[in-house]
Amino acid sequence: MPERPARAALRAALADWPRHVAAVVLVAGAFAAAELLATPSARYGAYLVAFAVWMAWFVLTAVEWLRRADF
C-alpha cells in the first residue's frame, strides 16, 4: 500500500493557492490590457498569454502532484 495515495497528493498539489492566484491575476491583467487597447491583435495576445499561463499552471501542478504522490 502506498504511503501517500495519488488522491491525497493531488489534493495537496491543488492546495497551493499562491500559484492559482498568480495565474488568475496574470490572465485577468492580460484581458484588462486587451480591453483597454481594444484591438484584435491585443485580444489575440491576451488569448496567447492566457494559454501560456494555463499551460505553465498545469505543468507546475502536475509536477507537484507527481513529486508528492507515492506510486
N, C-alpha and C. Protein backbone atom coordinates (compact mmCIF):
# COMPACT_ATOMS: atom_id res chain seq x y z
N MET A 1 0.84 -1.18 0.00
CA MET A 1 0.00 0.00 0.00
C MET A 1 0.89 1.25 0.00
N PRO A 2 0.65 2.16 -0.92
CA PRO A 2 1.47 3.37 -0.95
C PRO A 2 1.32 4.18 0.33
N GLU A 3 2.40 4.84 0.69
CA GLU A 3 2.37 5.65 1.90
C GLU A 3 1.49 6.89 1.70
N ARG A 4 1.53 7.47 0.51
CA ARG A 4 0.70 8.64 0.22
C ARG A 4 -0.03 8.37 -1.09
N PRO A 5 -1.34 8.10 -1.05
CA PRO A 5 -2.07 7.80 -2.28
C PRO A 5 -2.13 9.00 -3.22
N ALA A 6 -2.43 8.70 -4.46
CA ALA A 6 -2.45 9.73 -5.50
C ALA A 6 -3.49 10.80 -5.23
N ARG A 7 -4.64 10.44 -4.69
CA ARG A 7 -5.68 11.46 -4.42
C ARG A 7 -5.25 12.45 -3.37
N ALA A 8 -4.62 11.97 -2.33
CA ALA A 8 -4.13 12.89 -1.29
C ALA A 8 -3.04 13.79 -1.85
N ALA A 9 -2.19 13.25 -2.70
CA ALA A 9 -1.14 14.06 -3.32
C ALA A 9 -1.75 15.10 -4.25
N LEU A 10 -2.81 14.74 -4.96
CA LEU A 10 -3.46 15.69 -5.85
C LEU A 10 -4.11 16.82 -5.06
N ARG A 11 -4.77 16.46 -3.96
CA ARG A 11 -5.37 17.50 -3.11
C ARG A 11 -4.29 18.43 -2.57
N ALA A 12 -3.18 17.90 -2.19
CA ALA A 12 -2.09 18.73 -1.67
C ALA A 12 -1.50 19.61 -2.76
N ALA A 13 -1.37 19.08 -3.97
CA ALA A 13 -0.83 19.88 -5.07
C ALA A 13 -1.80 21.00 -5.47
N LEU A 14 -3.09 20.73 -5.38
CA LEU A 14 -4.08 21.75 -5.74
C LEU A 14 -4.33 22.74 -4.61
N ALA A 15 -3.74 22.53 -3.46
CA ALA A 15 -3.93 23.44 -2.33
C ALA A 15 -2.96 24.61 -2.35
N ASP A 16 -2.15 24.71 -3.38
CA ASP A 16 -1.17 25.80 -3.49
C ASP A 16 -1.85 27.07 -4.01
N TRP A 17 -2.48 27.82 -3.12
CA TRP A 17 -3.26 28.99 -3.52
C TRP A 17 -2.45 30.11 -4.16
N PRO A 18 -1.23 30.38 -3.76
CA PRO A 18 -0.48 31.45 -4.45
C PRO A 18 -0.30 31.19 -5.94
N ARG A 19 -0.11 29.94 -6.31
CA ARG A 19 0.02 29.63 -7.74
C ARG A 19 -1.28 29.91 -8.48
N HIS A 20 -2.41 29.57 -7.88
CA HIS A 20 -3.70 29.80 -8.52
C HIS A 20 -3.99 31.29 -8.65
N VAL A 21 -3.72 32.03 -7.60
CA VAL A 21 -3.97 33.47 -7.60
C VAL A 21 -3.08 34.16 -8.63
N ALA A 22 -1.82 33.77 -8.70
CA ALA A 22 -0.91 34.38 -9.67
C ALA A 22 -1.39 34.12 -11.10
N ALA A 23 -1.86 32.91 -11.37
CA ALA A 23 -2.36 32.60 -12.71
C ALA A 23 -3.59 33.44 -13.06
N VAL A 24 -4.51 33.56 -12.12
CA VAL A 24 -5.73 34.34 -12.37
C VAL A 24 -5.38 35.81 -12.57
N VAL A 25 -4.46 36.34 -11.77
CA VAL A 25 -4.09 37.75 -11.90
C VAL A 25 -3.42 38.01 -13.25
N LEU A 26 -2.55 37.12 -13.67
CA LEU A 26 -1.89 37.30 -14.97
C LEU A 26 -2.89 37.27 -16.13
N VAL A 27 -3.81 36.33 -16.09
CA VAL A 27 -4.80 36.23 -17.16
C VAL A 27 -5.75 37.43 -17.13
N ALA A 28 -6.20 37.81 -15.95
CA ALA A 28 -7.09 38.97 -15.85
C ALA A 28 -6.38 40.25 -16.29
N GLY A 29 -5.12 40.39 -15.94
CA GLY A 29 -4.36 41.56 -16.37
C GLY A 29 -4.19 41.61 -17.88
N ALA A 30 -3.96 40.46 -18.49
CA ALA A 30 -3.80 40.42 -19.95
C ALA A 30 -5.10 40.81 -20.64
N PHE A 31 -6.23 40.30 -20.14
CA PHE A 31 -7.51 40.66 -20.76
C PHE A 31 -7.91 42.10 -20.46
N ALA A 32 -7.54 42.61 -19.30
CA ALA A 32 -7.82 44.02 -19.00
C ALA A 32 -7.03 44.92 -19.92
N ALA A 33 -5.77 44.60 -20.15
CA ALA A 33 -4.95 45.39 -21.08
C ALA A 33 -5.50 45.30 -22.49
N ALA A 34 -5.97 44.13 -22.88
CA ALA A 34 -6.53 43.96 -24.22
C ALA A 34 -7.80 44.79 -24.39
N GLU A 35 -8.61 44.85 -23.35
CA GLU A 35 -9.84 45.65 -23.44
C GLU A 35 -9.53 47.14 -23.47
N LEU A 36 -8.49 47.55 -22.78
CA LEU A 36 -8.10 48.97 -22.83
C LEU A 36 -7.59 49.35 -24.22
N LEU A 37 -6.85 48.46 -24.84
CA LEU A 37 -6.34 48.74 -26.18
C LEU A 37 -7.41 48.55 -27.24
N ALA A 38 -8.30 47.63 -27.02
CA ALA A 38 -9.47 47.38 -27.89
C ALA A 38 -9.09 47.16 -29.34
N THR A 39 -8.07 46.35 -29.57
CA THR A 39 -7.70 45.97 -30.92
C THR A 39 -7.74 44.45 -31.03
N PRO A 40 -7.99 43.95 -32.22
CA PRO A 40 -7.99 42.49 -32.39
C PRO A 40 -6.65 41.84 -32.03
N SER A 41 -5.56 42.51 -32.35
CA SER A 41 -4.26 41.92 -32.03
C SER A 41 -4.01 41.90 -30.52
N ALA A 42 -4.54 42.87 -29.79
CA ALA A 42 -4.41 42.86 -28.33
C ALA A 42 -5.20 41.71 -27.73
N ARG A 43 -6.38 41.45 -28.28
CA ARG A 43 -7.16 40.31 -27.79
C ARG A 43 -6.47 38.99 -28.11
N TYR A 44 -5.90 38.91 -29.29
CA TYR A 44 -5.16 37.71 -29.66
C TYR A 44 -3.98 37.50 -28.71
N GLY A 45 -3.28 38.57 -28.38
CA GLY A 45 -2.18 38.49 -27.43
C GLY A 45 -2.65 38.04 -26.06
N ALA A 46 -3.82 38.53 -25.65
CA ALA A 46 -4.37 38.11 -24.36
C ALA A 46 -4.71 36.63 -24.37
N TYR A 47 -5.25 36.15 -25.48
CA TYR A 47 -5.53 34.71 -25.59
C TYR A 47 -4.23 33.89 -25.52
N LEU A 48 -3.18 34.39 -26.16
CA LEU A 48 -1.89 33.69 -26.10
C LEU A 48 -1.33 33.68 -24.68
N VAL A 49 -1.44 34.81 -24.00
CA VAL A 49 -0.97 34.88 -22.61
C VAL A 49 -1.78 33.92 -21.74
N ALA A 50 -3.10 33.91 -21.93
CA ALA A 50 -3.96 33.02 -21.14
C ALA A 50 -3.58 31.56 -21.38
N PHE A 51 -3.33 31.20 -22.61
CA PHE A 51 -2.95 29.83 -22.92
C PHE A 51 -1.61 29.48 -22.29
N ALA A 52 -0.64 30.38 -22.40
CA ALA A 52 0.68 30.12 -21.83
C ALA A 52 0.62 30.01 -20.30
N VAL A 53 -0.17 30.87 -19.68
CA VAL A 53 -0.31 30.81 -18.22
C VAL A 53 -1.00 29.52 -17.82
N TRP A 54 -2.03 29.13 -18.55
CA TRP A 54 -2.72 27.88 -18.22
C TRP A 54 -1.77 26.69 -18.36
N MET A 55 -0.99 26.66 -19.42
CA MET A 55 -0.05 25.55 -19.62
C MET A 55 0.99 25.52 -18.50
N ALA A 56 1.52 26.67 -18.13
CA ALA A 56 2.50 26.72 -17.04
C ALA A 56 1.87 26.25 -15.73
N TRP A 57 0.65 26.71 -15.45
CA TRP A 57 -0.05 26.28 -14.24
C TRP A 57 -0.25 24.77 -14.25
N PHE A 58 -0.69 24.25 -15.37
CA PHE A 58 -0.95 22.81 -15.48
C PHE A 58 0.33 22.00 -15.25
N VAL A 59 1.40 22.40 -15.90
CA VAL A 59 2.66 21.65 -15.78
C VAL A 59 3.20 21.73 -14.35
N LEU A 60 3.17 22.92 -13.75
CA LEU A 60 3.66 23.06 -12.38
C LEU A 60 2.82 22.25 -11.40
N THR A 61 1.52 22.24 -11.59
CA THR A 61 0.65 21.46 -10.71
C THR A 61 0.87 19.97 -10.92
N ALA A 62 1.03 19.54 -12.15
CA ALA A 62 1.27 18.12 -12.43
C ALA A 62 2.61 17.67 -11.85
N VAL A 63 3.62 18.49 -11.97
CA VAL A 63 4.93 18.14 -11.41
C VAL A 63 4.84 18.05 -9.89
N GLU A 64 4.14 18.99 -9.28
CA GLU A 64 3.97 18.96 -7.83
C GLU A 64 3.20 17.71 -7.40
N TRP A 65 2.17 17.34 -8.15
CA TRP A 65 1.41 16.14 -7.84
C TRP A 65 2.28 14.90 -7.93
N LEU A 66 3.05 14.79 -9.00
CA LEU A 66 3.93 13.63 -9.17
C LEU A 66 5.02 13.59 -8.10
N ARG A 67 5.49 14.75 -7.68
CA ARG A 67 6.51 14.80 -6.64
C ARG A 67 5.95 14.30 -5.30
N ARG A 68 4.69 14.65 -5.02
CA ARG A 68 4.08 14.30 -3.74
C ARG A 68 3.52 12.87 -3.72
N ALA A 69 3.15 12.35 -4.88
CA ALA A 69 2.50 11.03 -4.93
C ALA A 69 3.52 9.91 -4.72
N ASP A 70 3.04 8.85 -4.14
CA ASP A 70 3.86 7.66 -3.93
C ASP A 70 3.19 6.52 -4.70
N PHE A 71 3.65 6.31 -5.93
CA PHE A 71 3.04 5.30 -6.78
C PHE A 71 3.69 3.95 -6.58
